[in-house]
Protein backbone atom coordinates (compact mmCIF):
# COMPACT_ATOMS: atom_id res chain seq x y z
CA UNK A 1 7.90 -12.98 57.49
CA UNK A 2 11.54 -12.29 56.64
CA UNK A 3 11.80 -15.61 54.80
CA UNK A 4 8.75 -14.74 52.71
CA UNK A 5 10.18 -11.31 51.91
CA UNK A 6 13.54 -12.80 50.95
CA UNK A 7 11.80 -15.41 48.76
CA UNK A 8 9.75 -12.70 47.03
CA UNK A 9 12.84 -10.57 46.38
CA UNK A 10 14.69 -13.63 45.06
CA UNK A 11 11.76 -14.41 42.71
CA UNK A 12 11.76 -10.83 41.36
CA UNK A 13 15.53 -11.03 40.83
CA UNK A 14 15.25 -14.31 38.89
CA UNK A 15 12.42 -12.91 36.72
CA UNK A 16 14.46 -9.77 36.03
CA UNK A 17 17.53 -11.81 35.06
CA UNK A 18 15.47 -14.03 32.74
CA UNK A 19 13.79 -11.00 31.14
CA UNK A 20 17.17 -9.39 30.59
CA UNK A 21 18.51 -12.58 29.02
CA UNK A 22 15.49 -12.75 26.67
CA UNK A 23 15.99 -9.08 25.78
CA UNK A 24 19.69 -9.67 25.14
CA UNK A 25 18.89 -12.71 22.96
CA UNK A 26 16.36 -10.72 20.93
CA UNK A 27 18.79 -7.83 20.61
CA UNK A 28 21.58 -10.13 19.46
CA UNK A 29 19.26 -11.90 17.01
CA UNK A 30 18.02 -8.62 15.55
CA UNK A 31 21.48 -7.12 15.25
CA UNK A 32 22.68 -10.22 13.39
CA UNK A 33 20.16 -9.69 10.60
CA UNK A 34 21.35 -7.95 7.46
CA UNK A 35 18.51 -8.40 4.95
CA UNK A 36 14.77 -8.99 4.93
CA UNK A 37 12.41 -10.12 2.18
CA UNK A 38 8.66 -9.68 2.59
CA UNK A 39 5.37 -9.35 0.73
CA UNK A 40 2.22 -7.39 1.55
CA UNK A 41 -0.93 -9.54 1.19
CA UNK A 42 -4.59 -8.46 1.33
CA UNK A 43 -4.22 -5.79 -1.38
CA UNK A 44 -6.59 -6.25 -4.28
CA UNK A 45 -5.11 -5.79 -7.78
CA UNK A 46 -1.72 -5.02 -6.21
CA UNK A 47 1.30 -7.21 -5.49
CA UNK A 48 4.10 -5.60 -3.50
CA UNK A 49 7.41 -7.23 -2.54
CA UNK A 50 9.81 -5.56 -0.10
CA UNK A 51 13.57 -5.87 0.16
CA UNK A 52 15.37 -4.30 3.13
CA UNK A 53 19.01 -3.92 4.03
CA UNK A 54 20.48 -2.79 7.33
CA UNK A 55 22.67 0.29 7.17
CA UNK A 56 25.97 -0.52 8.85
CA UNK A 57 25.69 -1.97 12.34
CA UNK A 58 23.04 0.44 13.61
CA UNK A 59 19.25 0.35 13.87
CA UNK A 60 18.55 1.99 10.51
CA UNK A 61 17.25 0.08 7.49
CA UNK A 62 16.67 1.02 3.84
CA UNK A 63 13.55 -0.46 2.26
CA UNK A 64 12.76 -0.89 -1.46
CA UNK A 65 9.17 -1.86 -2.26
CA UNK A 66 8.42 -2.51 -5.96
CA UNK A 67 4.73 -3.10 -6.74
CA UNK A 68 2.79 -4.48 -9.70
CA UNK A 69 -0.85 -3.59 -10.40
CA UNK A 70 -3.10 -5.75 -12.53
CA UNK A 71 -6.81 -6.47 -12.37
CA UNK A 72 -9.98 -6.86 -14.42
CA UNK A 73 -13.53 -5.99 -13.47
CA UNK A 74 -15.53 -7.11 -16.50
CA UNK A 75 -19.15 -7.99 -15.91
CA UNK A 76 -19.23 -10.72 -18.53
CA UNK A 77 -15.55 -11.65 -18.77
CA UNK A 78 -14.68 -9.16 -21.54
CA UNK A 79 -14.81 -5.46 -22.22
CA UNK A 80 -17.79 -5.56 -24.57
CA UNK A 81 -20.39 -4.93 -21.88
CA UNK A 82 -20.64 -1.20 -21.10
CA UNK A 83 -23.37 -1.55 -18.44
CA UNK A 84 -20.67 -1.02 -15.81
CA UNK A 85 -19.33 2.39 -16.73
CA UNK A 86 -17.93 5.53 -15.18
CA UNK A 87 -20.54 8.21 -14.50
CA UNK A 88 -19.25 11.19 -12.54
CA UNK A 89 -22.72 11.95 -11.17
CA UNK A 90 -23.98 8.47 -10.32
CA UNK A 91 -21.26 5.86 -10.69
CA UNK A 92 -22.27 3.88 -7.60
CA UNK A 93 -25.73 3.32 -9.10
CA UNK A 94 -24.39 2.45 -12.55
CA UNK A 95 -22.11 -0.19 -11.03
CA UNK A 96 -24.34 -1.28 -8.17
CA UNK A 97 -23.16 -4.89 -8.39
CA UNK A 98 -19.60 -3.74 -7.70
CA UNK A 99 -20.08 -1.12 -4.98
CA UNK A 100 -16.61 -0.32 -3.70
CA UNK A 101 -14.35 2.50 -2.58
CA UNK A 102 -13.00 2.96 -6.12
CA UNK A 103 -14.66 4.27 -9.24
CA UNK A 104 -15.76 1.75 -11.90
CA UNK A 105 -13.10 0.57 -14.33
CA UNK A 106 -12.69 -2.38 -16.65
CA UNK A 107 -8.96 -2.99 -16.30
CA UNK A 108 -6.01 -1.58 -14.37
CA UNK A 109 -2.29 -2.28 -14.84
CA UNK A 110 0.90 -0.52 -13.88
CA UNK A 111 3.79 -0.48 -11.46
CA UNK A 112 5.42 1.56 -8.76
CA UNK A 113 8.24 1.81 -6.24
CA UNK A 114 8.42 2.84 -2.58
CA UNK A 115 11.74 3.78 -0.99
CA UNK A 116 11.62 4.16 2.80
CA UNK A 117 14.04 4.63 5.66
CA UNK A 118 13.22 2.63 8.81
CA UNK A 119 14.59 3.34 12.26
CA UNK A 120 14.08 0.95 15.17
CA UNK A 121 13.96 2.48 18.63
CA UNK A 122 15.54 -0.53 20.33
CA UNK A 123 16.98 -3.72 18.79
CA UNK A 124 15.16 -5.86 21.36
CA UNK A 125 11.75 -4.24 20.80
CA UNK A 126 9.44 -4.33 17.74
CA UNK A 127 8.41 -0.62 17.32
CA UNK A 128 9.96 1.42 14.51
CA UNK A 129 9.46 4.65 12.60
CA UNK A 130 9.64 4.97 8.79
CA UNK A 131 9.59 7.78 6.23
CA UNK A 132 9.99 7.70 2.46
CA UNK A 133 8.82 8.45 -1.07
CA UNK A 134 6.73 6.58 -3.64
CA UNK A 135 5.94 6.72 -7.35
CA UNK A 136 3.24 4.84 -9.28
CA UNK A 137 2.25 4.78 -12.95
CA UNK A 138 -1.16 3.33 -13.86
CA UNK A 139 -3.21 2.71 -17.00
CA UNK A 140 -6.93 2.42 -16.34
CA UNK A 141 -9.34 1.17 -19.02
CA UNK A 142 -12.98 2.12 -18.56
CA UNK A 143 -16.28 2.75 -20.30
CA UNK A 144 -17.22 6.41 -20.18
CA UNK A 145 -19.08 9.17 -21.97
CA UNK A 146 -17.34 11.79 -24.10
CA UNK A 147 -18.23 14.33 -26.74
CA UNK A 148 -17.55 13.36 -30.36
CA UNK A 149 -17.83 15.47 -33.51
CA UNK A 150 -19.03 14.03 -36.80
CA UNK A 151 -20.44 15.22 -40.11
CA UNK A 152 -23.59 13.90 -41.77
CA UNK A 153 -25.21 15.23 -44.95
CA UNK A 154 -22.84 18.16 -44.85
CA UNK A 155 -23.86 19.18 -41.32
CA UNK A 156 -21.65 19.11 -38.22
CA UNK A 157 -23.03 17.28 -35.18
CA UNK A 158 -21.90 16.82 -31.57
CA UNK A 159 -22.83 13.62 -29.76
CA UNK A 160 -22.31 12.48 -26.18
CA UNK A 161 -21.40 8.83 -26.73
CA UNK A 162 -20.30 5.92 -24.59
CA UNK A 163 -16.94 4.47 -25.61
CA UNK A 164 -14.00 2.45 -24.28
CA UNK A 165 -11.14 4.68 -23.14
CA UNK A 166 -7.85 4.66 -21.21
CA UNK A 167 -6.68 7.05 -18.51
CA UNK A 168 -2.96 7.37 -17.63
CA UNK A 169 -2.11 8.36 -14.07
CA UNK A 170 1.25 9.29 -12.53
CA UNK A 171 1.11 9.42 -8.73
CA UNK A 172 3.81 10.64 -6.35
CA UNK A 173 3.70 10.26 -2.59
CA UNK A 174 5.32 10.87 0.80
CA UNK A 175 5.03 8.17 3.49
CA UNK A 176 5.33 8.46 7.28
CA UNK A 177 4.27 5.62 9.55
CA UNK A 178 4.87 3.64 12.72
CA UNK A 179 5.11 -0.14 12.79
CA UNK A 180 5.67 -3.23 14.90
CA UNK A 181 8.01 -5.81 13.39
CA UNK A 182 8.45 -9.16 15.10
CA UNK A 183 11.58 -10.89 13.82
CA UNK A 184 12.27 -14.50 14.69
CA UNK A 185 15.17 -16.74 13.76
CA UNK A 186 14.16 -16.63 10.11
CA UNK A 187 10.59 -15.33 9.76
CA UNK A 188 9.18 -11.85 10.33
CA UNK A 189 5.73 -10.35 10.81
CA UNK A 190 5.13 -6.62 10.48
CA UNK A 191 2.07 -4.38 10.88
CA UNK A 192 2.09 -0.62 10.36
CA UNK A 193 -0.11 2.46 10.14
CA UNK A 194 0.47 6.12 9.42
CA UNK A 195 -0.24 9.07 7.15
CA UNK A 196 0.90 9.91 3.65
CA UNK A 197 0.41 12.54 1.00
CA UNK A 198 -0.46 11.72 -2.62
CA UNK A 199 -0.20 13.96 -5.69
CA UNK A 200 -1.59 12.59 -8.95
CA UNK A 201 -1.36 13.76 -12.56
CA UNK A 202 -3.86 12.47 -15.11
CA UNK A 203 -4.97 13.20 -18.66
CA UNK A 204 -7.41 16.08 -19.06
CA UNK A 205 -10.93 15.63 -20.46
CA UNK A 206 -11.03 12.15 -18.93
CA UNK A 207 -12.22 10.97 -15.50
CA UNK A 208 -9.39 11.63 -12.99
CA UNK A 209 -10.35 8.71 -10.70
CA UNK A 210 -9.87 10.91 -7.62
CA UNK A 211 -13.16 10.55 -5.72
CA UNK A 212 -11.56 9.53 -2.38
CA UNK A 213 -8.27 8.50 -0.80
CA UNK A 214 -8.66 4.95 -2.08
CA UNK A 215 -8.96 6.13 -5.69
CA UNK A 216 -6.01 5.53 -8.01
CA UNK A 217 -5.81 9.20 -9.04
CA UNK A 218 -6.32 10.72 -5.59
CA UNK A 219 -4.50 13.87 -4.46
CA UNK A 220 -4.33 14.71 -0.75
CA UNK A 221 -3.69 13.17 2.66
CA UNK A 222 -4.20 9.41 2.91
CA UNK A 223 -4.16 6.82 5.68
CA UNK A 224 -1.53 4.09 5.49
CA UNK A 225 -2.28 0.63 6.85
CA UNK A 226 -0.68 -2.65 5.99
CA UNK A 227 0.81 -5.99 6.95
CA UNK A 228 4.05 -7.64 5.87
CA UNK A 229 5.17 -11.27 6.15
CA UNK A 230 8.51 -12.68 5.08
CA UNK A 231 11.89 -13.80 6.31
CA UNK A 232 15.16 -12.28 7.54
CA UNK A 233 18.77 -13.27 6.96
């Protein structure tokens, strides 16, 4: 009985020593990293690339995340087909072939930048907390109705016509989220989720593209969810 107890205690001691060695190795590996480079896949019409640098010898990191937006949603490969157009009252029906979480548009392009501060809780463990700011500028081309004035035979007329237009959006944001970052010898894998606040400014007398939190011109609280893959040096 005593031999079995001693053997069990010895096994626990060996496991604890090995776990501590693994933790020390992970801690040393993490603390040796100075920079990370990563991209965020699975985002339609958006390409974001992150650069991070460790602040001093601590657990804090500064992240810069420039993003480029570009995408087309033409029904026939060009912008001459207005059958897919923005209708504030029934846009899901008008664009039934392209039912999505965003309002109909023909083309989107723009860019933005996120600047976040990341703080790891322990160098040997993956969890971290991050907070930061973001700015995005977008140009959205779309087919939509608007009132036009014209004169015919000396009389003034008002017509509600369908035409090709462009909306400019400037969006500011605050980010707060928790993540798990697994850093190996060179590669890293990161998943995160959290909450943010978005405030958007757009041109008046044009669709604001703010139907829900996935809209480009949305103002309000928004969920944050993403994945990053890259490498560390």
